[in-house]
């Protein structure tokens, strides 16, 4: 019986060692998976942020171009308005000079 009891104890020790090794390997695999998942999450966050930053840059560029277009249109409108005012002023000036001339020499 001593031999078979010794064999049983050896088997128990062997099973215990295998179980400990399996647990160690399982824990290691869990940690590796956690790290891979964490890295993947970080990569996805970075990718999402980069895409959003790019969208914002594109939107900003569109807004800048639209603002420049509007500023140019306002400048052109202001120029036309000034030219019209100058033309009207010159016409009024010419009329006033003519009226003064007529008033001085026709009296």
Protein backbone atom coordinates (compact mmCIF):
# COMPACT_ATOMS: atom_id res chain seq x y z
CA UNK A 1 0.00 0.00 0.00
CA UNK A 2 2.86 2.33 0.57
CA UNK A 3 3.74 2.25 -3.11
CA UNK A 4 0.25 2.99 -4.28
CA UNK A 5 -0.16 5.68 -1.60
CA UNK A 6 3.13 7.19 -2.76
CA UNK A 7 1.88 7.06 -6.36
CA UNK A 8 -1.36 8.74 -5.37
CA UNK A 9 0.55 11.49 -3.56
CA UNK A 10 2.85 11.93 -6.60
CA UNK A 11 -0.21 12.14 -8.86
CA UNK A 12 -1.80 14.70 -6.54
CA UNK A 13 1.40 16.75 -6.53
CA UNK A 14 1.65 16.44 -10.31
CA UNK A 15 -2.00 17.48 -10.73
CA UNK A 16 -1.43 20.38 -8.33
CA UNK A 17 1.64 21.51 -10.29
CA UNK A 18 -0.29 21.23 -13.56
CA UNK A 19 -3.18 23.21 -12.08
CA UNK A 20 -0.79 25.88 -10.82
CA UNK A 21 0.90 26.05 -14.24
CA UNK A 22 -2.48 26.22 -15.98
CA UNK A 23 -3.60 29.03 -13.65
CA UNK A 24 -0.33 30.89 -14.26
CA UNK A 25 -0.73 30.52 -18.04
CA UNK A 26 -4.40 31.51 -17.82
CA UNK A 27 -3.55 34.62 -15.76
CA UNK A 28 -0.79 35.51 -18.22
CA UNK A 29 -3.17 35.10 -21.17
CA UNK A 30 -5.78 37.27 -19.44
CA UNK A 31 -3.19 40.02 -18.82
CA UNK A 32 -2.02 39.86 -22.45
CA UNK A 33 -5.61 40.11 -23.68
CA UNK A 34 -6.28 43.03 -21.34
CA UNK A 35 -3.19 44.79 -22.69
CA UNK A 36 -4.20 44.13 -26.32
CA UNK A 37 -7.72 45.38 -25.66
CA UNK A 38 -6.40 48.46 -23.86
CA UNK A 39 -4.01 49.16 -26.75
CA UNK A 40 -6.80 48.67 -29.28
CA UNK A 41 -9.07 51.03 -27.34
CA UNK A 42 -6.31 53.66 -27.26
CA UNK A 43 -5.73 53.23 -30.99
CA UNK A 44 -9.44 53.62 -31.67
CA UNK A 45 -9.59 56.72 -29.47
CA UNK A 46 -6.64 58.20 -31.32
CA UNK A 47 -8.19 57.34 -34.68
CA UNK A 48 -11.53 58.88 -33.70
CA UNK A 49 -9.87 62.02 -32.35
CA UNK A 50 -7.70 62.36 -35.47
CA UNK A 51 -10.76 62.02 -37.71
CA UNK A 52 -12.66 64.63 -35.70
CA UNK A 53 -9.69 67.00 -35.76
CA UNK A 54 -9.51 66.58 -39.55
CA UNK A 55 -13.26 67.26 -39.85
CA UNK A 56 -12.85 70.39 -37.73
CA UNK A 57 -9.93 71.57 -39.88
CA UNK A 58 -11.96 71.04 -43.05
CA UNK A 59 -14.93 72.88 -41.54
CA UNK A 60 -12.70 75.73 -40.39
CA UNK A 61 -11.18 76.00 -43.86
CA UNK A 62 -14.67 76.12 -45.41
CA UNK A 63 -15.71 78.82 -42.95
CA UNK A 64 -12.54 80.82 -43.65
CA UNK A 65 -13.13 80.59 -47.40
CA UNK A 66 -16.79 81.59 -46.96
CA UNK A 67 -15.76 84.52 -44.76
CA UNK A 68 -13.17 85.64 -47.31
CA UNK A 69 -15.76 85.36 -50.07
CA UNK A 70 -18.24 87.43 -48.03
CA UNK A 71 -15.55 90.00 -47.18
CA UNK A 72 -14.66 90.33 -50.86
CA UNK A 73 -18.32 90.78 -51.78
CA UNK A 74 -18.72 93.40 -49.05
CA UNK A 75 -15.60 95.20 -50.27
CA UNK A 76 -16.90 95.19 -53.84
CA UNK A 77 -20.30 96.46 -52.69
CA UNK A 78 -18.64 99.19 -50.63
CA UNK A 79 -16.48 100.17 -53.62
CA UNK A 80 -19.55 100.35 -55.89
CA UNK A 81 -21.41 102.37 -53.27
CA UNK A 82 -18.47 104.78 -52.93
CA UNK A 83 -18.20 105.15 -56.70
CA UNK A 84 -21.93 105.88 -56.89
CA UNK A 85 -21.62 108.44 -54.08
CA UNK A 86 -18.64 110.07 -55.87
CA UNK A 87 -20.61 110.17 -59.11
CA UNK A 88 -23.61 111.77 -57.35
CA UNK A 89 -21.35 114.19 -55.53
CA UNK A 90 -19.66 115.19 -58.76
CA UNK A 91 -23.06 115.68 -60.40
CA UNK A 92 -24.25 117.80 -57.48
CA UNK A 93 -21.00 119.74 -57.55
CA UNK A 94 -21.32 120.37 -61.28
CA UNK A 95 -24.94 121.48 -60.81
CA UNK A 96 -23.98 123.71 -57.89
CA UNK A 97 -21.13 125.30 -59.89
CA UNK A 98 -23.50 125.85 -62.81
CA UNK A 99 -26.11 127.37 -60.48
CA UNK A 100 -23.52 129.66 -58.88
CA UNK A 101 -22.19 130.65 -62.28
CA UNK A 102 -25.72 131.36 -63.52
CA UNK A 103 -26.54 133.30 -60.38
CA UNK A 104 -23.43 135.45 -60.61
CA UNK A 105 -23.58 136.23 -64.34
CA UNK A 106 -27.32 136.32 -64.88
CA UNK A 107 -28.10 138.90 -62.28
